[in-house]
């Protein structure tokens, strides 16, 4: 079992920055792939980024590439999402997720085994 707790969401203006955090517990954090997803009202959940166990490989959706950075601290059991130059289109509930059976980048919602409760990010224009 893995428990995931996100924090850091909020209401910001376009162009602002936010950093989301996700604290994991229950299994050895440094052994599995993590991902950030988001879901806007009326839309399907979509991947934002993925990071392998070591942190040395990452993936970003085209919509966030160059603006968002995913990272992890395996000592603090924490996943981060640094979001810069936020746009109204980034408004969504953001979820962190763990794929405990993988050491590769994983892009599909169905690949992930455990999910956090989500944190709301709202970007006003």
Protein backbone atom coordinates (compact mmCIF):
# COMPACT_ATOMS: atom_id res chain seq x y z
CA UNK A 1 0.00 0.00 0.00
CA UNK A 2 1.07 3.55 -0.77
CA UNK A 3 -0.51 6.68 0.66
CA UNK A 4 -0.14 9.94 -1.27
CA UNK A 5 -0.96 13.40 0.02
CA UNK A 6 -0.77 16.44 -2.26
CA UNK A 7 -0.50 20.05 -1.22
CA UNK A 8 0.34 23.44 -2.69
CA UNK A 9 -2.63 24.21 -4.88
CA UNK A 10 -4.43 27.53 -4.87
CA UNK A 11 -5.79 30.50 -6.80
CA UNK A 12 -3.23 32.46 -8.80
CA UNK A 13 -3.16 34.87 -11.71
CA UNK A 14 -1.94 34.10 -15.20
CA UNK A 15 1.84 34.25 -15.33
CA UNK A 16 2.28 33.29 -11.68
CA UNK A 17 4.04 30.22 -10.31
CA UNK A 18 3.07 27.44 -7.92
CA UNK A 19 4.83 24.41 -6.51
CA UNK A 20 2.86 21.28 -5.75
CA UNK A 21 4.14 18.63 -3.36
CA UNK A 22 3.16 15.02 -2.88
CA UNK A 23 4.32 13.11 0.19
CA UNK A 24 4.36 9.34 -0.12
CA UNK A 25 4.34 6.70 2.58
CA UNK A 26 3.97 2.96 2.85
CA UNK A 27 6.58 1.58 0.45
CA UNK A 28 10.12 2.41 -0.53
CA UNK A 29 9.60 5.66 -2.42
CA UNK A 30 12.87 5.41 -4.33
CA UNK A 31 11.85 2.19 -6.04
CA UNK A 32 8.96 3.24 -8.28
CA UNK A 33 7.73 5.60 -10.96
CA UNK A 34 5.67 8.65 -10.05
CA UNK A 35 3.43 10.86 -12.13
CA UNK A 36 1.42 14.07 -12.04
CA UNK A 37 -1.99 14.18 -13.70
CA UNK A 38 -4.71 16.78 -13.93
CA UNK A 39 -8.42 16.84 -14.59
CA UNK A 40 -10.41 19.88 -15.64
CA UNK A 41 -14.20 20.02 -15.31
CA UNK A 42 -15.87 17.97 -18.02
CA UNK A 43 -12.59 16.57 -19.28
CA UNK A 44 -10.73 13.32 -18.90
CA UNK A 45 -7.78 12.97 -16.56
CA UNK A 46 -4.57 13.65 -18.46
CA UNK A 47 -0.91 13.22 -17.79
CA UNK A 48 1.18 16.25 -16.91
CA UNK A 49 4.50 14.48 -16.33
CA UNK A 50 6.21 11.33 -15.20
CA UNK A 51 9.51 10.63 -13.43
CA UNK A 52 11.34 7.37 -12.89
CA UNK A 53 12.57 6.12 -9.52
CA UNK A 54 16.00 7.79 -9.74
CA UNK A 55 14.74 11.10 -11.04
CA UNK A 56 17.08 10.94 -14.01
CA UNK A 57 14.39 10.52 -16.64
CA UNK A 58 11.27 12.62 -17.02
CA UNK A 59 8.40 13.09 -19.43
CA UNK A 60 6.21 16.15 -19.98
CA UNK A 61 3.01 16.67 -21.87
CA UNK A 62 3.45 19.08 -24.77
CA UNK A 63 1.05 21.53 -23.13
CA UNK A 64 3.36 22.05 -20.14
CA UNK A 65 6.80 21.44 -21.63
CA UNK A 66 9.15 24.30 -20.84
CA UNK A 67 6.87 25.67 -18.10
CA UNK A 68 6.54 22.80 -15.60
CA UNK A 69 9.28 20.78 -13.90
CA UNK A 70 8.77 17.48 -12.14
CA UNK A 71 11.28 16.34 -9.54
CA UNK A 72 11.56 14.04 -6.54
CA UNK A 73 13.44 13.90 -3.26
CA UNK A 74 13.87 10.25 -2.35
CA UNK A 75 15.15 11.13 1.12
CA UNK A 76 12.04 13.16 1.93
CA UNK A 77 9.71 10.74 0.07
CA UNK A 78 8.33 13.73 -1.80
CA UNK A 79 7.38 14.41 -5.41
CA UNK A 80 7.25 17.99 -6.70
CA UNK A 81 5.71 19.84 -9.60
CA UNK A 82 7.08 23.31 -10.19
CA UNK A 83 4.65 25.25 -12.38
CA UNK A 84 5.72 28.52 -13.98
CA UNK A 85 4.01 30.89 -16.42
CA UNK A 86 0.64 29.50 -15.45
CA UNK A 87 -2.22 29.93 -17.89
CA UNK A 88 -6.01 29.78 -17.36
CA UNK A 89 -5.94 26.51 -19.33
CA UNK A 90 -3.90 24.97 -16.51
CA UNK A 91 -6.91 25.22 -14.19
CA UNK A 92 -7.67 21.71 -12.93
CA UNK A 93 -7.47 19.34 -10.00
CA UNK A 94 -3.92 18.00 -9.90
CA UNK A 95 -3.21 14.45 -8.74
CA UNK A 96 0.00 12.64 -7.97
CA UNK A 97 0.13 8.92 -8.65
CA UNK A 98 2.43 5.96 -8.04
CA UNK A 99 3.16 3.01 -10.31
CA UNK A 100 4.83 0.64 -7.87
CA UNK A 101 5.44 -2.06 -10.49
CA UNK A 102 7.44 0.08 -12.87
CA UNK A 103 10.91 1.53 -13.18
CA UNK A 104 10.10 3.24 -16.50
CA UNK A 105 8.27 6.36 -17.51
CA UNK A 106 4.54 5.68 -17.54
CA UNK A 107 2.08 7.90 -19.39
CA UNK A 108 -1.29 6.19 -19.00
CA UNK A 109 -3.77 6.69 -16.19
CA UNK A 110 -4.37 2.94 -16.09
CA UNK A 111 -0.70 2.21 -15.39
CA UNK A 112 -0.80 3.82 -11.95
CA UNK A 113 -1.79 1.91 -8.83
CA UNK A 114 -2.21 4.60 -6.17
CA UNK A 115 -3.56 8.15 -6.29
CA UNK A 116 -3.62 11.15 -4.04
CA UNK A 117 -6.79 13.03 -3.17
CA UNK A 118 -6.01 15.89 -5.54
CA UNK A 119 -5.32 19.59 -5.09
CA UNK A 120 -7.13 22.38 -6.92
CA UNK A 121 -5.19 24.81 -9.07
CA UNK A 122 -7.13 27.78 -10.42
CA UNK A 123 -5.51 30.31 -12.73
CA UNK A 124 -7.39 33.53 -13.37
CA UNK A 125 -6.86 35.65 -16.46
